[in-house]
């Protein structure tokens, strides 16, 4: 079973630029209100919630906010995949072991 990540709607460069612009806009009290909507519109119609999610994740990755970092989430996915593969291999080995143990005509110890 091969799972591929869905293609990203926005290139990484655009995500980084939009995130940086939104963070800068939010630092200034004069431009804080509506920053996500304004920056999203300036960069070609990025939905404000999408931009808010990117900024929140960037804050987590930089250690400014509590949460699971992008690298930790990726590592967790890799470990879960490895765990599934090992469980599958174990199940195959157990069934093979049971099959050969029950084989008729096999000399018993």
Protein backbone atom coordinates (compact mmCIF):
# COMPACT_ATOMS: atom_id res chain seq x y z
CA UNK A 1 0.00 0.00 0.00
CA UNK A 2 1.71 3.16 -1.19
CA UNK A 3 0.40 6.51 0.00
CA UNK A 4 1.59 9.66 -1.67
CA UNK A 5 1.07 13.11 -0.23
CA UNK A 6 -1.39 15.27 -2.08
CA UNK A 7 0.23 17.92 -4.25
CA UNK A 8 0.45 21.26 -2.49
CA UNK A 9 -1.82 23.98 -3.75
CA UNK A 10 0.74 26.67 -2.98
CA UNK A 11 4.50 26.53 -3.63
CA UNK A 12 6.77 26.58 -0.57
CA UNK A 13 8.24 29.95 -1.59
CA UNK A 14 4.76 31.53 -1.61
CA UNK A 15 3.92 29.97 1.77
CA UNK A 16 7.14 31.34 3.28
CA UNK A 17 6.65 34.80 1.80
CA UNK A 18 3.00 34.98 2.86
CA UNK A 19 3.86 33.82 6.37
CA UNK A 20 6.65 36.37 6.70
CA UNK A 21 4.41 39.19 5.40
CA UNK A 22 1.55 38.24 7.75
CA UNK A 23 3.85 38.08 10.79
CA UNK A 24 5.28 41.50 9.94
CA UNK A 25 1.80 42.98 9.40
CA UNK A 26 0.63 41.60 12.76
CA UNK A 27 3.56 43.21 14.61
CA UNK A 28 2.37 46.72 13.75
CA UNK A 29 -0.79 47.66 15.69
CA UNK A 30 -1.90 49.85 12.78
CA UNK A 31 -1.97 46.89 10.34
CA UNK A 32 -2.76 44.05 12.78
CA UNK A 33 -6.52 43.98 12.19
CA UNK A 34 -7.32 42.11 8.99
CA UNK A 35 -3.68 41.24 8.30
CA UNK A 36 -4.42 37.69 7.16
CA UNK A 37 -7.15 38.81 4.76
CA UNK A 38 -5.07 41.67 3.33
CA UNK A 39 -1.89 39.66 2.83
CA UNK A 40 -3.87 36.77 1.35
CA UNK A 41 -5.52 39.10 -1.18
CA UNK A 42 -2.19 40.77 -2.06
CA UNK A 43 -0.66 37.39 -2.86
CA UNK A 44 -3.35 36.11 -5.16
CA UNK A 45 -6.26 35.03 -3.02
CA UNK A 46 -4.88 32.89 -0.21
CA UNK A 47 -7.73 32.21 2.21
CA UNK A 48 -7.22 33.99 5.56
CA UNK A 49 -7.68 30.73 7.53
CA UNK A 50 -5.02 29.05 5.40
CA UNK A 51 -2.63 31.88 6.11
CA UNK A 52 -3.51 31.84 9.82
CA UNK A 53 -2.71 28.10 9.92
CA UNK A 54 0.67 28.70 8.21
CA UNK A 55 1.56 31.44 10.70
CA UNK A 56 0.51 29.29 13.67
CA UNK A 57 2.68 26.40 12.41
CA UNK A 58 5.62 28.73 11.80
CA UNK A 59 5.29 30.00 15.39
CA UNK A 60 5.32 26.40 16.65
CA UNK A 61 8.33 25.49 14.49
CA UNK A 62 10.24 28.53 15.78
CA UNK A 63 9.41 27.69 19.41
CA UNK A 64 7.20 30.74 20.01
CA UNK A 65 4.09 28.63 20.55
CA UNK A 66 3.43 25.21 22.06
CA UNK A 67 2.57 22.37 19.71
CA UNK A 68 3.96 19.67 17.45
CA UNK A 69 6.67 20.95 15.13
CA UNK A 70 6.64 20.07 11.45
CA UNK A 71 9.76 17.92 11.83
CA UNK A 72 8.26 16.07 14.82
CA UNK A 73 5.04 15.44 12.91
CA UNK A 74 7.01 14.09 9.93
CA UNK A 75 9.07 11.82 12.20
CA UNK A 76 5.90 10.57 13.88
CA UNK A 77 4.40 9.69 10.48
CA UNK A 78 7.57 7.80 9.54
CA UNK A 79 7.56 5.87 12.82
CA UNK A 80 3.87 4.99 12.45
CA UNK A 81 4.52 3.70 8.93
CA UNK A 82 7.48 1.63 10.14
CA UNK A 83 5.35 0.28 12.98
CA UNK A 84 2.62 -0.82 10.52
CA UNK A 85 5.21 -2.56 8.33
CA UNK A 86 6.75 -4.36 11.32
CA UNK A 87 3.33 -5.49 12.59
CA UNK A 88 2.51 -6.82 9.11
CA UNK A 89 5.84 -8.68 8.93
CA UNK A 90 5.23 -10.12 12.41
CA UNK A 91 1.79 -11.36 11.39
CA UNK A 92 3.25 -13.06 8.31
CA UNK A 93 6.01 -14.69 10.37
CA UNK A 94 3.52 -15.90 13.01
CA UNK A 95 1.23 -17.46 10.41
CA UNK A 96 4.21 -19.09 8.64
CA UNK A 97 5.47 -20.42 11.96
CA UNK A 98 2.05 -21.87 12.81
CA UNK A 99 1.79 -23.42 9.33
CA UNK A 100 5.15 -25.16 9.55
CA UNK A 101 4.58 -26.25 13.16
CA UNK A 102 1.35 -27.98 12.13
CA UNK A 103 2.85 -29.65 9.03
CA UNK A 104 1.90 -33.36 8.94
CA UNK A 105 4.70 -35.89 8.80
CA UNK A 106 7.15 -33.54 10.43
CA UNK A 107 9.27 -35.28 13.05
CA UNK A 108 8.47 -34.08 16.55
CA UNK A 109 11.22 -33.44 19.08
